[in-house]
Amino acid sequence: GAPKQLQVILARGVPSVVAILRGMLYVRGGHWNASGEGFRSECAERLRQPRELLDRMLGYAEAKRARKDEVRRDYLEILTWLEQMTLEVDRWTTEEHK
């Protein structure tokens, strides 16, 4: 897709990703209702999520502009990250039912 469209998709997807991360924090006994830096730190530490990628993703919601090549790279990296998160949650639910 065109970088401008990808940037819009990333920006509009941030609330959904944040909701997923909050749910993951809740399940793992983390501070799911933290905000700002506390939320970012909690995700990085308790969920072992890549802080740099999380910061870049949240930057799209803050209307930070990115270069065309950065948008394409971020889009692909964030999609891969989301897939990894779903696999991680699948592992959690599989472990609980053993």
C-alpha atoms as a PDB file:
ATOM      1  CA  GLY A   1       0.000   0.000   0.000  1.00  0.00           C
ATOM      2  CA  ALA A   2       0.866   3.641  -0.233  1.00  0.00           C
ATOM      3  CA  PRO A   3       2.791   4.960   2.773  1.00  0.00           C
ATOM      4  CA  LYS A   4       0.106   7.540   3.585  1.00  0.00           C
ATOM      5  CA  GLN A   5      -2.567   4.838   3.699  1.00  0.00           C
ATOM      6  CA  LEU A   6      -0.351   2.561   5.781  1.00  0.00           C
ATOM      7  CA  GLN A   7       0.259   5.405   8.220  1.00  0.00           C
ATOM      8  CA  VAL A   8      -3.510   5.919   8.608  1.00  0.00           C
ATOM      9  CA  ILE A   9      -4.012   2.183   9.193  1.00  0.00           C
ATOM     10  CA  LEU A  10      -1.288   2.142  11.845  1.00  0.00           C
ATOM     11  CA  ALA A  11      -2.675   5.224  13.593  1.00  0.00           C
ATOM     12  CA  ARG A  12      -6.235   3.885  13.645  1.00  0.00           C
ATOM     13  CA  GLY A  13      -5.094   0.470  14.833  1.00  0.00           C
ATOM     14  CA  VAL A  14      -3.290   1.765  17.916  1.00  0.00           C
ATOM     15  CA  PRO A  15      -6.356   1.744  20.239  1.00  0.00           C
ATOM     16  CA  SER A  16      -7.051  -1.895  19.372  1.00  0.00           C
ATOM     17  CA  VAL A  17      -3.453  -2.942  19.976  1.00  0.00           C
ATOM     18  CA  VAL A  18      -3.410  -1.047  23.274  1.00  0.00           C
ATOM     19  CA  ALA A  19      -6.604  -2.871  24.318  1.00  0.00           C
ATOM     20  CA  ILE A  20      -5.003  -6.227  23.486  1.00  0.00           C
ATOM     21  CA  LEU A  21      -1.881  -5.330  25.463  1.00  0.00           C
ATOM     22  CA  ARG A  22      -4.008  -4.222  28.427  1.00  0.00           C
ATOM     23  CA  GLY A  23      -5.812  -7.558  28.322  1.00  0.00           C
ATOM     24  CA  MET A  24      -2.510  -9.392  28.241  1.00  0.00           C
ATOM     25  CA  LEU A  25      -1.267  -7.359  31.214  1.00  0.00           C
ATOM     26  CA  TYR A  26      -4.460  -8.126  33.128  1.00  0.00           C
ATOM     27  CA  VAL A  27      -4.100 -11.870  32.519  1.00  0.00           C
ATOM     28  CA  ARG A  28      -0.456 -11.737  33.597  1.00  0.00           C
ATOM     29  CA  GLY A  29      -1.217  -9.734  36.763  1.00  0.00           C
ATOM     30  CA  GLY A  30       0.373  -6.547  35.483  1.00  0.00           C
ATOM     31  CA  HIS A  31      -0.686  -2.942  35.859  1.00  0.00           C
ATOM     32  CA  TRP A  32      -3.148  -3.046  32.984  1.00  0.00           C
ATOM     33  CA  ASN A  33      -4.553   0.400  33.741  1.00  0.00           C
ATOM     34  CA  ALA A  34      -1.181   2.173  33.694  1.00  0.00           C
ATOM     35  CA  SER A  35      -0.797   5.009  31.227  1.00  0.00           C
ATOM     36  CA  GLY A  36       2.001   6.733  29.373  1.00  0.00           C
ATOM     37  CA  GLU A  37       5.479   5.668  30.375  1.00  0.00           C
ATOM     38  CA  GLY A  38       4.133   3.259  32.989  1.00  0.00           C
ATOM     39  CA  PHE A  39       2.124   1.388  30.360  1.00  0.00           C
ATOM     40  CA  ARG A  40       5.052   1.214  27.968  1.00  0.00           C
ATOM     41  CA  SER A  41       7.396  -0.026  30.690  1.00  0.00           C
ATOM     42  CA  GLU A  42       4.896  -2.592  31.932  1.00  0.00           C
ATOM     43  CA  CYS A  43       4.450  -3.990  28.413  1.00  0.00           C
ATOM     44  CA  ALA A  44       8.198  -4.145  27.848  1.00  0.00           C
ATOM     45  CA  GLU A  45       9.005  -5.711  31.210  1.00  0.00           C
ATOM     46  CA  ARG A  46       6.080  -7.941  32.139  1.00  0.00           C
ATOM     47  CA  LEU A  47       5.044  -8.969  28.634  1.00  0.00           C
ATOM     48  CA  ARG A  48       8.546  -8.839  27.153  1.00  0.00           C
ATOM     49  CA  GLN A  49       7.316  -6.768  24.249  1.00  0.00           C
ATOM     50  CA  PRO A  50       9.871  -4.874  22.141  1.00  0.00           C
ATOM     51  CA  ARG A  51       9.926  -1.369  23.612  1.00  0.00           C
ATOM     52  CA  GLU A  52      11.282   0.321  20.479  1.00  0.00           C
ATOM     53  CA  LEU A  53       8.547  -1.167  18.292  1.00  0.00           C
ATOM     54  CA  LEU A  54       5.889  -0.302  20.859  1.00  0.00           C
ATOM     55  CA  ASP A  55       7.125   3.302  20.933  1.00  0.00           C
ATOM     56  CA  ARG A  56       7.089   3.522  17.140  1.00  0.00           C
ATOM     57  CA  MET A  57       3.570   2.109  16.961  1.00  0.00           C
ATOM     58  CA  LEU A  58       2.236   4.488  19.604  1.00  0.00           C
ATOM     59  CA  GLY A  59       3.929   7.350  17.749  1.00  0.00           C
ATOM     60  CA  TYR A  60       1.493   6.872  14.866  1.00  0.00           C
ATOM     61  CA  ALA A  61      -1.403   7.631  17.215  1.00  0.00           C
ATOM     62  CA  GLU A  62       0.404  10.776  18.305  1.00  0.00           C
ATOM     63  CA  ALA A  63       0.408  11.919  14.649  1.00  0.00           C
ATOM     64  CA  LYS A  64       4.170  11.772  14.334  1.00  0.00           C
ATOM     65  CA  ARG A  65       5.139  11.718  10.707  1.00  0.00           C
ATOM     66  CA  ALA A  66       7.470   9.100   9.382  1.00  0.00           C
ATOM     67  CA  ARG A  67       9.413   8.759   6.145  1.00  0.00           C
ATOM     68  CA  LYS A  68       7.901   6.541   3.455  1.00  0.00           C
ATOM     69  CA  ASP A  69      10.476   3.789   3.936  1.00  0.00           C
ATOM     70  CA  GLU A  70       9.944   3.894   7.719  1.00  0.00           C
ATOM     71  CA  VAL A  71       6.177   3.529   7.342  1.00  0.00           C
ATOM     72  CA  ARG A  72       6.527   0.453   5.148  1.00  0.00           C
ATOM     73  CA  ARG A  73       9.096  -1.083   7.512  1.00  0.00           C
ATOM     74  CA  ASP A  74       7.016  -0.308  10.596  1.00  0.00           C
ATOM     75  CA  TYR A  75       3.855  -1.693   9.030  1.00  0.00           C
ATOM     76  CA  LEU A  76       5.505  -5.021   8.259  1.00  0.00           C
ATOM     77  CA  GLU A  77       7.252  -5.217  11.635  1.00  0.00           C
ATOM     78  CA  ILE A  78       4.060  -4.370  13.541  1.00  0.00           C
ATOM     79  CA  LEU A  79       2.058  -7.007  11.635  1.00  0.00           C
ATOM     80  CA  THR A  80       4.703  -9.604  12.471  1.00  0.00           C
ATOM     81  CA  TRP A  81       4.701  -8.460  16.103  1.00  0.00           C
ATOM     82  CA  LEU A  82       0.895  -8.771  16.299  1.00  0.00           C
ATOM     83  CA  GLU A  83       1.093 -12.292  14.951  1.00  0.00           C
ATOM     84  CA  GLN A  84       3.721 -13.154  17.568  1.00  0.00           C
ATOM     85  CA  MET A  85       1.497 -11.699  20.305  1.00  0.00           C
ATOM     86  CA  THR A  86      -1.426 -13.896  19.248  1.00  0.00           C
ATOM     87  CA  LEU A  87       0.822 -16.955  19.271  1.00  0.00           C
ATOM     88  CA  GLU A  88       2.016 -16.027  22.766  1.00  0.00           C
ATOM     89  CA  VAL A  89      -1.562 -15.749  24.049  1.00  0.00           C
ATOM     90  CA  ASP A  90      -2.340 -19.108  22.421  1.00  0.00           C
ATOM     91  CA  ARG A  91       0.574 -20.603  24.387  1.00  0.00           C
ATOM     92  CA  TRP A  92      -0.806 -19.126  27.616  1.00  0.00           C
ATOM     93  CA  THR A  93      -4.230 -20.644  27.040  1.00  0.00           C
ATOM     94  CA  THR A  94      -2.710 -23.989  26.033  1.00  0.00           C
ATOM     95  CA  GLU A  95      -0.606 -24.042  29.229  1.00  0.00           C
ATOM     96  CA  GLU A  96      -3.691 -23.352  31.362  1.00  0.00           C
ATOM     97  CA  HIS A  97      -5.564 -26.332  29.916  1.00  0.00           C
ATOM     98  CA  LYS A  98      -2.790 -28.895  30.451  1.00  0.00           C
END
